[in-house]
Amino acid sequence: RGPDDEGEFFDDESGIGLAFRRLAIIDLSPLGHQPMSSAD
């Protein structure tokens, strides 16, 4: 589903896992990488 990029977020303490596969359409730069996090 997404050959252009991949990423994961895993927090063992909270029991949360997020995985993403990217097909880049808007903002092809690394700044569009996911999972994306807030500044804090």
ModelCIF file with pLDDT and N, C-alpha, C, O atoms, coordinates in Angstrom:
data_MODEL
#
_entry.id   MODEL 
#
_entity.id                         1 
_entity.type                       polymer 
_entity.pdbx_number_of_molecules   1 
#
_entity_poly.entity_id                      1 
_entity_poly.type                           'polypeptide(L)' 
_entity_poly.nstd_linkage                   no 
_entity_poly.nstd_monomer                   no 
_entity_poly.pdbx_seq_one_letter_code       RGPDDEGEFFDDESGIGLAFRRLAIIDLSPLGHQPMSSAD 
_entity_poly.pdbx_seq_one_letter_code_can   RGPDDEGEFFDDESGIGLAFRRLAIIDLSPLGHQPMSSAD 
_entity_poly.pdbx_strand_id                 A 
#
loop_
_entity_poly_seq.entity_id 
_entity_poly_seq.num 
_entity_poly_seq.mon_id 
_entity_poly_seq.hetero 
1 1  ARG n 
1 2  GLY n 
1 3  PRO n 
1 4  ASP n 
1 5  ASP n 
1 6  GLU n 
1 7  GLY n 
1 8  GLU n 
1 9  PHE n 
1 10 PHE n 
1 11 ASP n 
1 12 ASP n 
1 13 GLU n 
1 14 SER n 
1 15 GLY n 
1 16 ILE n 
1 17 GLY n 
1 18 LEU n 
1 19 ALA n 
1 20 PHE n 
1 21 ARG n 
1 22 ARG n 
1 23 LEU n 
1 24 ALA n 
1 25 ILE n 
1 26 ILE n 
1 27 ASP n 
1 28 LEU n 
1 29 SER n 
1 30 PRO n 
1 31 LEU n 
1 32 GLY n 
1 33 HIS n 
1 34 GLN n 
1 35 PRO n 
1 36 MET n 
1 37 SER n 
1 38 SER n 
1 39 ALA n 
1 40 ASP n 
#
_struct_asym.id          A 
_struct_asym.entity_id   1 
#
loop_
_ma_qa_metric.id 
_ma_qa_metric.mode 
_ma_qa_metric.name 
_ma_qa_metric.software_group_id 
_ma_qa_metric.type 
1 global pLDDT . pLDDT 
2 local  pLDDT . pLDDT 
#
_ma_qa_metric_global.metric_id      1 
_ma_qa_metric_global.metric_value   93.67 
_ma_qa_metric_global.model_id       1 
_ma_qa_metric_global.ordinal_id     1 
#
loop_
_ma_qa_metric_local.label_asym_id 
_ma_qa_metric_local.label_comp_id 
_ma_qa_metric_local.label_seq_id 
_ma_qa_metric_local.metric_id 
_ma_qa_metric_local.metric_value 
_ma_qa_metric_local.model_id 
_ma_qa_metric_local.ordinal_id 
A ARG 1  2 95.00 1 1  
A GLY 2  2 93.00 1 2  
A PRO 3  2 92.00 1 3  
A ASP 4  2 92.00 1 4  
A ASP 5  2 92.00 1 5  
A GLU 6  2 94.00 1 6  
A GLY 7  2 95.00 1 7  
A GLU 8  2 96.00 1 8  
A PHE 9  2 97.00 1 9  
A PHE 10 2 96.00 1 10 
A ASP 11 2 95.00 1 11 
A ASP 12 2 92.00 1 12 
A GLU 13 2 92.00 1 13 
A SER 14 2 94.00 1 14 
A GLY 15 2 95.00 1 15 
A ILE 16 2 97.00 1 16 
A GLY 17 2 97.00 1 17 
A LEU 18 2 98.00 1 18 
A ALA 19 2 97.00 1 19 
A PHE 20 2 96.00 1 20 
A ARG 21 2 96.00 1 21 
A ARG 22 2 93.00 1 22 
A LEU 23 2 91.00 1 23 
A ALA 24 2 89.00 1 24 
A ILE 25 2 89.00 1 25 
A ILE 26 2 88.00 1 26 
A ASP 27 2 86.00 1 27 
A LEU 28 2 89.00 1 28 
A SER 29 2 90.00 1 29 
A PRO 30 2 91.00 1 30 
A LEU 31 2 92.00 1 31 
A GLY 32 2 93.00 1 32 
A HIS 33 2 94.00 1 33 
A GLN 34 2 94.00 1 34 
A PRO 35 2 97.00 1 35 
A MET 36 2 97.00 1 36 
A SER 37 2 97.00 1 37 
A SER 38 2 96.00 1 38 
A ALA 39 2 95.00 1 39 
A ASP 40 2 95.00 1 40 
#
loop_
_atom_site.group_PDB 
_atom_site.id 
_atom_site.type_symbol 
_atom_site.label_atom_id 
_atom_site.label_alt_id 
_atom_site.label_comp_id 
_atom_site.label_asym_id 
_atom_site.label_entity_id 
_atom_site.label_seq_id 
_atom_site.pdbx_PDB_ins_code 
_atom_site.Cartn_x 
_atom_site.Cartn_y 
_atom_site.Cartn_z 
_atom_site.occupancy 
_atom_site.B_iso_or_equiv 
_atom_site.pdbx_formal_charge 
_atom_site.auth_seq_id 
_atom_site.auth_comp_id 
_atom_site.auth_asym_id 
_atom_site.auth_atom_id 
_atom_site.pdbx_PDB_model_num 
ATOM 1   N N  . ARG A 1 1  ? 0.813  -1.215 0.000  1.00 95.00 ? 1  ARG A N  1 
ATOM 2   C CA . ARG A 1 1  ? 0.000  0.000  0.000  1.00 95.00 ? 1  ARG A CA 1 
ATOM 3   C C  . ARG A 1 1  ? 0.850  1.271  0.000  1.00 95.00 ? 1  ARG A C  1 
ATOM 4   O O  . ARG A 1 1  ? 0.356  2.349  -0.331 1.00 95.00 ? 1  ARG A O  1 
ATOM 5   N N  . GLY A 1 2  ? 2.127  1.147  0.371  1.00 93.00 ? 2  GLY A N  1 
ATOM 6   C CA . GLY A 1 2  ? 2.978  2.327  0.454  1.00 93.00 ? 2  GLY A CA 1 
ATOM 7   C C  . GLY A 1 2  ? 4.432  2.002  0.241  1.00 93.00 ? 2  GLY A C  1 
ATOM 8   O O  . GLY A 1 2  ? 5.124  1.672  1.204  1.00 93.00 ? 2  GLY A O  1 
ATOM 9   N N  . PRO A 1 3  ? 4.933  2.082  -0.994 1.00 92.00 ? 3  PRO A N  1 
ATOM 10  C CA . PRO A 1 3  ? 6.314  1.704  -1.285 1.00 92.00 ? 3  PRO A CA 1 
ATOM 11  C C  . PRO A 1 3  ? 7.336  2.801  -1.016 1.00 92.00 ? 3  PRO A C  1 
ATOM 12  O O  . PRO A 1 3  ? 8.537  2.548  -1.106 1.00 92.00 ? 3  PRO A O  1 
ATOM 13  N N  . ASP A 1 4  ? 6.887  4.030  -0.683 1.00 92.00 ? 4  ASP A N  1 
ATOM 14  C CA . ASP A 1 4  ? 7.802  5.168  -0.617 1.00 92.00 ? 4  ASP A CA 1 
ATOM 15  C C  . ASP A 1 4  ? 8.445  5.377  0.755  1.00 92.00 ? 4  ASP A C  1 
ATOM 16  O O  . ASP A 1 4  ? 9.528  5.955  0.842  1.00 92.00 ? 4  ASP A O  1 
ATOM 17  N N  . ASP A 1 5  ? 7.804  4.921  1.814  1.00 92.00 ? 5  ASP A N  1 
ATOM 18  C CA . ASP A 1 5  ? 8.340  5.162  3.150  1.00 92.00 ? 5  ASP A CA 1 
ATOM 19  C C  . ASP A 1 5  ? 7.590  4.280  4.138  1.00 92.00 ? 5  ASP A C  1 
ATOM 20  O O  . ASP A 1 5  ? 6.507  3.775  3.841  1.00 92.00 ? 5  ASP A O  1 
ATOM 21  N N  . GLU A 1 6  ? 8.173  4.104  5.307  1.00 94.00 ? 6  GLU A N  1 
ATOM 22  C CA . GLU A 1 6  ? 7.522  3.349  6.374  1.00 94.00 ? 6  GLU A CA 1 
ATOM 23  C C  . GLU A 1 6  ? 7.968  3.913  7.710  1.00 94.00 ? 6  GLU A C  1 
ATOM 24  O O  . GLU A 1 6  ? 9.015  4.552  7.811  1.00 94.00 ? 6  GLU A O  1 
ATOM 25  N N  . GLY A 1 7  ? 7.166  3.670  8.728  1.00 95.00 ? 7  GLY A N  1 
ATOM 26  C CA . GLY A 1 7  ? 7.522  4.153  10.054 1.00 95.00 ? 7  GLY A CA 1 
ATOM 27  C C  . GLY A 1 7  ? 6.712  3.454  11.129 1.00 95.00 ? 7  GLY A C  1 
ATOM 28  O O  . GLY A 1 7  ? 5.648  2.895  10.863 1.00 95.00 ? 7  GLY A O  1 
ATOM 29  N N  . GLU A 1 8  ? 7.234  3.494  12.356 1.00 96.00 ? 8  GLU A N  1 
ATOM 30  C CA . GLU A 1 8  ? 6.566  2.866  13.495 1.00 96.00 ? 8  GLU A CA 1 
ATOM 31  C C  . GLU A 1 8  ? 6.700  3.750  14.724 1.00 96.00 ? 8  GLU A C  1 
ATOM 32  O O  . GLU A 1 8  ? 7.687  4.464  14.900 1.00 96.00 ? 8  GLU A O  1 
ATOM 33  N N  . PHE A 1 9  ? 5.693  3.683  15.555 1.00 97.00 ? 9  PHE A N  1 
ATOM 34  C CA . PHE A 1 9  ? 5.765  4.247  16.897 1.00 97.00 ? 9  PHE A CA 1 
ATOM 35  C C  . PHE A 1 9  ? 5.333  3.152  17.857 1.00 97.00 ? 9  PHE A C  1 
ATOM 36  O O  . PHE A 1 9  ? 4.285  2.533  17.674 1.00 97.00 ? 9  PHE A O  1 
ATOM 37  N N  . PHE A 1 10 ? 6.147  2.913  18.885 1.00 96.00 ? 10 PHE A N  1 
ATOM 38  C CA . PHE A 1 10 ? 5.825  1.864  19.848 1.00 96.00 ? 10 PHE A CA 1 
ATOM 39  C C  . PHE A 1 10 ? 6.142  2.368  21.247 1.00 96.00 ? 10 PHE A C  1 
ATOM 40  O O  . PHE A 1 10 ? 7.254  2.818  21.523 1.00 96.00 ? 10 PHE A O  1 
ATOM 41  N N  . ASP A 1 11 ? 5.150  2.286  22.123 1.00 95.00 ? 11 ASP A N  1 
ATOM 42  C CA . ASP A 1 11 ? 5.312  2.683  23.521 1.00 95.00 ? 11 ASP A CA 1 
ATOM 43  C C  . ASP A 1 11 ? 4.875  1.514  24.388 1.00 95.00 ? 11 ASP A C  1 
ATOM 44  O O  . ASP A 1 11 ? 3.684  1.307  24.621 1.00 95.00 ? 11 ASP A O  1 
ATOM 45  N N  . ASP A 1 12 ? 5.854  0.754  24.860 1.00 92.00 ? 12 ASP A N  1 
ATOM 46  C CA . ASP A 1 12 ? 5.555  -0.448 25.629 1.00 92.00 ? 12 ASP A CA 1 
ATOM 47  C C  . ASP A 1 12 ? 4.823  -0.119 26.922 1.00 92.00 ? 12 ASP A C  1 
ATOM 48  O O  . ASP A 1 12 ? 3.944  -0.868 27.347 1.00 92.00 ? 12 ASP A O  1 
ATOM 49  N N  . GLU A 1 13 ? 5.177  0.991  27.546 1.00 92.00 ? 13 GLU A N  1 
ATOM 50  C CA . GLU A 1 13 ? 4.552  1.361  28.821 1.00 92.00 ? 13 GLU A CA 1 
ATOM 51  C C  . GLU A 1 13 ? 3.066  1.641  28.659 1.00 92.00 ? 13 GLU A C  1 
ATOM 52  O O  . GLU A 1 13 ? 2.258  1.240  29.497 1.00 92.00 ? 13 GLU A O  1 
ATOM 53  N N  . SER A 1 14 ? 2.704  2.335  27.574 1.00 94.00 ? 14 SER A N  1 
ATOM 54  C CA . SER A 1 14 ? 1.285  2.650  27.334 1.00 94.00 ? 14 SER A CA 1 
ATOM 55  C C  . SER A 1 14 ? 0.570  1.566  26.548 1.00 94.00 ? 14 SER A C  1 
ATOM 56  O O  . SER A 1 14 ? -0.658 1.584  26.454 1.00 94.00 ? 14 SER A O  1 
ATOM 57  N N  . GLY A 1 15 ? 1.320  0.611  25.977 1.00 95.00 ? 15 GLY A N  1 
ATOM 58  C CA . GLY A 1 15 ? 0.705  -0.435 25.177 1.00 95.00 ? 15 GLY A CA 1 
ATOM 59  C C  . GLY A 1 15 ? 0.168  0.074  23.859 1.00 95.00 ? 15 GLY A C  1 
ATOM 60  O O  . GLY A 1 15 ? -0.886 -0.369 23.404 1.00 95.00 ? 15 GLY A O  1 
ATOM 61  N N  . ILE A 1 16 ? 0.891  1.012  23.230 1.00 97.00 ? 16 ILE A N  1 
ATOM 62  C CA . ILE A 1 16 ? 0.444  1.622  21.981 1.00 97.00 ? 16 ILE A CA 1 
ATOM 63  C C  . ILE A 1 16 ? 1.440  1.304  20.872 1.00 97.00 ? 16 ILE A C  1 
ATOM 64  O O  . ILE A 1 16 ? 2.649  1.449  21.049 1.00 97.00 ? 16 ILE A O  1 
ATOM 65  N N  . GLY A 1 17 ? 0.918  0.868  19.725 1.00 97.00 ? 17 GLY A N  1 
ATOM 66  C CA . GLY A 1 17 ? 1.737  0.647  18.545 1.00 97.00 ? 17 GLY A CA 1 
ATOM 67  C C  . GLY A 1 17 ? 1.059  1.240  17.326 1.00 97.00 ? 17 GLY A C  1 
ATOM 68  O O  . GLY A 1 17 ? -0.134 1.031  17.105 1.00 97.00 ? 17 GLY A O  1 
ATOM 69  N N  . LEU A 1 18 ? 1.823  1.983  16.533 1.00 98.00 ? 18 LEU A N  1 
ATOM 70  C CA . LEU A 1 18 ? 1.312  2.593  15.304 1.00 98.00 ? 18 LEU A CA 1 
ATOM 71  C C  . LEU A 1 18 ? 2.285  2.291  14.179 1.00 98.00 ? 18 LEU A C  1 
ATOM 72  O O  . LEU A 1 18 ? 3.489  2.492  14.334 1.00 98.00 ? 18 LEU A O  1 
ATOM 73  N N  . ALA A 1 19 ? 1.783  1.812  13.052 1.00 97.00 ? 19 ALA A N  1 
ATOM 74  C CA . ALA A 1 19 ? 2.631  1.509  11.895 1.00 97.00 ? 19 ALA A CA 1 
ATOM 75  C C  . ALA A 1 19 ? 2.048  2.164  10.657 1.00 97.00 ? 19 ALA A C  1 
ATOM 76  O O  . ALA A 1 19 ? 0.832  2.281  10.511 1.00 97.00 ? 19 ALA A O  1 
ATOM 77  N N  . PHE A 1 20 ? 2.941  2.593  9.761  1.00 96.00 ? 20 PHE A N  1 
ATOM 78  C CA . PHE A 1 20 ? 2.498  3.322  8.578  1.00 96.00 ? 20 PHE A CA 1 
ATOM 79  C C  . PHE A 1 20 ? 3.318  2.932  7.360  1.00 96.00 ? 20 PHE A C  1 
ATOM 80  O O  . PHE A 1 20 ? 4.531  2.747  7.450  1.00 96.00 ? 20 PHE A O  1 
ATOM 81  N N  . ARG A 1 21 ? 2.649  2.810  6.224  1.00 96.00 ? 21 ARG A N  1 
ATOM 82  C CA . ARG A 1 21 ? 3.289  2.605  4.921  1.00 96.00 ? 21 ARG A CA 1 
ATOM 83  C C  . ARG A 1 21 ? 2.825  3.719  3.996  1.00 96.00 ? 21 ARG A C  1 
ATOM 84  O O  . ARG A 1 21 ? 1.626  3.952  3.846  1.00 96.00 ? 21 ARG A O  1 
ATOM 85  N N  . ARG A 1 22 ? 3.784  4.410  3.372  1.00 93.00 ? 22 ARG A N  1 
ATOM 86  C CA . ARG A 1 22 ? 3.468  5.645  2.661  1.00 93.00 ? 22 ARG A CA 1 
ATOM 87  C C  . ARG A 1 22 ? 3.587  5.531  1.148  1.00 93.00 ? 22 ARG A C  1 
ATOM 88  O O  . ARG A 1 22 ? 4.581  5.036  0.616  1.00 93.00 ? 22 ARG A O  1 
ATOM 89  N N  . LEU A 1 23 ? 2.553  5.999  0.479  1.00 91.00 ? 23 LEU A N  1 
ATOM 90  C CA . LEU A 1 23 ? 2.601  6.323  -0.942 1.00 91.00 ? 23 LEU A CA 1 
ATOM 91  C C  . LEU A 1 23 ? 2.573  7.841  -1.001 1.00 91.00 ? 23 LEU A C  1 
ATOM 92  O O  . LEU A 1 23 ? 1.534  8.450  -0.744 1.00 91.00 ? 23 LEU A O  1 
ATOM 93  N N  . ALA A 1 24 ? 3.695  8.457  -1.335 1.00 89.00 ? 24 ALA A N  1 
ATOM 94  C CA . ALA A 1 24 ? 3.836  9.908  -1.226 1.00 89.00 ? 24 ALA A CA 1 
ATOM 95  C C  . ALA A 1 24 ? 3.091  10.620 -2.354 1.00 89.00 ? 24 ALA A C  1 
ATOM 96  O O  . ALA A 1 24 ? 3.356  10.385 -3.533 1.00 89.00 ? 24 ALA A O  1 
ATOM 97  N N  . ILE A 1 25 ? 2.150  11.499 -1.975 1.00 89.00 ? 25 ILE A N  1 
ATOM 98  C CA . ILE A 1 25 ? 1.371  12.286 -2.929 1.00 89.00 ? 25 ILE A CA 1 
ATOM 99  C C  . ILE A 1 25 ? 1.568  13.785 -2.667 1.00 89.00 ? 25 ILE A C  1 
ATOM 100 O O  . ILE A 1 25 ? 1.765  14.567 -3.597 1.00 89.00 ? 25 ILE A O  1 
ATOM 101 N N  . ILE A 1 26 ? 1.513  14.170 -1.393 1.00 88.00 ? 26 ILE A N  1 
ATOM 102 C CA . ILE A 1 26 ? 1.683  15.569 -1.000 1.00 88.00 ? 26 ILE A CA 1 
ATOM 103 C C  . ILE A 1 26 ? 2.916  15.683 -0.111 1.00 88.00 ? 26 ILE A C  1 
ATOM 104 O O  . ILE A 1 26 ? 3.075  14.900 0.826  1.00 88.00 ? 26 ILE A O  1 
ATOM 105 N N  . ASP A 1 27 ? 3.783  16.638 -0.390 1.00 86.00 ? 27 ASP A N  1 
ATOM 106 C CA . ASP A 1 27 ? 5.050  16.847 0.308  1.00 86.00 ? 27 ASP A CA 1 
ATOM 107 C C  . ASP A 1 27 ? 5.874  15.559 0.292  1.00 86.00 ? 27 ASP A C  1 
ATOM 108 O O  . ASP A 1 27 ? 5.821  14.758 1.225  1.00 86.00 ? 27 ASP A O  1 
ATOM 109 N N  . LEU A 1 28 ? 6.623  15.383 -0.774 1.00 89.00 ? 28 LEU A N  1 
ATOM 110 C CA . LEU A 1 28 ? 7.385  14.157 -0.972 1.00 89.00 ? 28 LEU A CA 1 
ATOM 111 C C  . LEU A 1 28 ? 8.639  14.102 -0.108 1.00 89.00 ? 28 LEU A C  1 
ATOM 112 O O  . LEU A 1 28 ? 9.344  13.092 -0.113 1.00 89.00 ? 28 LEU A O  1 
ATOM 113 N N  . SER A 1 29 ? 8.928  15.160 0.628  1.00 90.00 ? 29 SER A N  1 
ATOM 114 C CA . SER A 1 29 ? 10.141 15.236 1.435  1.00 90.00 ? 29 SER A CA 1 
ATOM 115 C C  . SER A 1 29 ? 10.013 14.397 2.708  1.00 90.00 ? 29 SER A C  1 
ATOM 116 O O  . SER A 1 29 ? 8.923  13.929 3.037  1.00 90.00 ? 29 SER A O  1 
ATOM 117 N N  . PRO A 1 30 ? 11.128 14.206 3.425  1.00 91.00 ? 30 PRO A N  1 
ATOM 118 C CA . PRO A 1 30 ? 11.075 13.489 4.711  1.00 91.00 ? 30 PRO A CA 1 
ATOM 119 C C  . PRO A 1 30 ? 10.190 14.173 5.751  1.00 91.00 ? 30 PRO A C  1 
ATOM 120 O O  . PRO A 1 30 ? 9.829  13.555 6.752  1.00 91.00 ? 30 PRO A O  1 
ATOM 121 N N  . LEU A 1 31 ? 9.836  15.437 5.529  1.00 92.00 ? 31 LEU A N  1 
ATOM 122 C CA . LEU A 1 31 ? 8.968  16.131 6.480  1.00 92.00 ? 31 LEU A CA 1 
ATOM 123 C C  . LEU A 1 31 ? 7.545  15.585 6.450  1.00 92.00 ? 31 LEU A C  1 
ATOM 124 O O  . LEU A 1 31 ? 6.735  15.927 7.313  1.00 92.00 ? 31 LEU A O  1 
ATOM 125 N N  . GLY A 1 32 ? 7.229  14.740 5.468  1.00 93.00 ? 32 GLY A N  1 
ATOM 126 C CA . GLY A 1 32 ? 5.923  14.097 5.427  1.00 93.00 ? 32 GLY A CA 1 
ATOM 127 C C  . GLY A 1 32 ? 5.923  12.716 6.066  1.00 93.00 ? 32 GLY A C  1 
ATOM 128 O O  . GLY A 1 32 ? 4.921  12.003 6.006  1.00 93.00 ? 32 GLY A O  1 
ATOM 129 N N  . HIS A 1 33 ? 7.035  12.340 6.674  1.00 94.00 ? 33 HIS A N  1 
ATOM 130 C CA . HIS A 1 33 ? 7.172  11.006 7.278  1.00 94.00 ? 33 HIS A CA 1 
ATOM 131 C C  . HIS A 1 33 ? 6.150  10.794 8.392  1.00 94.00 ? 33 HIS A C  1 
ATOM 132 O O  . HIS A 1 33 ? 5.827  11.709 9.150  1.00 94.00 ? 33 HIS A O  1 
ATOM 133 N N  . GLN A 1 34 ? 5.653  9.562  8.467  1.00 94.00 ? 34 GLN A N  1 
ATOM 134 C CA . GLN A 1 34 ? 4.746  9.148  9.543  1.00 94.00 ? 34 GLN A CA 1 
ATOM 135 C C  . GLN A 1 34 ? 5.268  7.858  10.189 1.00 94.00 ? 34 GLN A C  1 
ATOM 136 O O  . GLN A 1 34 ? 6.002  7.092  9.565  1.00 94.00 ? 34 GLN A O  1 
ATOM 137 N N  . PRO A 1 35 ? 4.872  7.631  11.457 1.00 97.00 ? 35 PRO A N  1 
ATOM 138 C CA . PRO A 1 35 ? 4.051  8.471  12.319 1.00 97.00 ? 35 PRO A CA 1 
ATOM 139 C C  . PRO A 1 35 ? 4.671  9.854  12.520 1.00 97.00 ? 35 PRO A C  1 
ATOM 140 O O  . PRO A 1 35 ? 5.890  10.008 12.600 1.00 97.00 ? 35 PRO A O  1 
ATOM 141 N N  . MET A 1 36 ? 3.800  10.842 12.599 1.00 97.00 ? 36 MET A N  1 
ATOM 142 C CA . MET A 1 36 ? 4.230  12.222 12.805 1.00 97.00 ? 36 MET A CA 1 
ATOM 143 C C  . MET A 1 36 ? 3.877  12.622 14.230 1.00 97.00 ? 36 MET A C  1 
ATOM 144 O O  . MET A 1 36 ? 2.798  12.297 14.725 1.00 97.00 ? 36 MET A O  1 
ATOM 145 N N  . SER A 1 37 ? 4.789  13.326 14.881 1.00 97.00 ? 37 SER A N  1 
ATOM 146 C CA . SER A 1 37 ? 4.610  13.664 16.297 1.00 97.00 ? 37 SER A CA 1 
ATOM 147 C C  . SER A 1 37 ? 4.565  15.171 16.500 1.00 97.00 ? 37 SER A C  1 
ATOM 148 O O  . SER A 1 37 ? 5.154  15.932 15.733 1.00 97.00 ? 37 SER A O  1 
ATOM 149 N N  . SER A 1 38 ? 3.863  15.590 17.539 1.00 96.00 ? 38 SER A N  1 
ATOM 150 C CA . SER A 1 38 ? 3.830  17.002 17.911 1.00 96.00 ? 38 SER A CA 1 
ATOM 151 C C  . SER A 1 38 ? 5.192  17.426 18.436 1.00 96.00 ? 38 SER A C  1 
ATOM 152 O O  . SER A 1 38 ? 6.025  16.580 18.760 1.00 96.00 ? 38 SER A O  1 
ATOM 153 N N  . ALA A 1 39 ? 5.423  18.728 18.521 1.00 95.00 ? 39 ALA A N  1 
ATOM 154 C CA . ALA A 1 39 ? 6.720  19.248 18.940 1.00 95.00 ? 39 ALA A CA 1 
ATOM 155 C C  . ALA A 1 39 ? 7.109  18.769 20.328 1.00 95.00 ? 39 ALA A C  1 
ATOM 156 O O  . ALA A 1 39 ? 8.293  18.582 20.608 1.00 95.00 ? 39 ALA A O  1 
ATOM 157 N N  . ASP A 1 40 ? 6.130  18.569 21.200 1.00 95.00 ? 40 ASP A N  1 
ATOM 158 C CA . ASP A 1 40 ? 6.428  18.122 22.565 1.00 95.00 ? 40 ASP A CA 1 
ATOM 159 C C  . ASP A 1 40 ? 6.439  16.603 22.703 1.00 95.00 ? 40 ASP A C  1 
ATOM 160 O O  . ASP A 1 40 ? 6.675  16.084 23.794 1.00 95.00 ? 40 ASP A O  1 
#
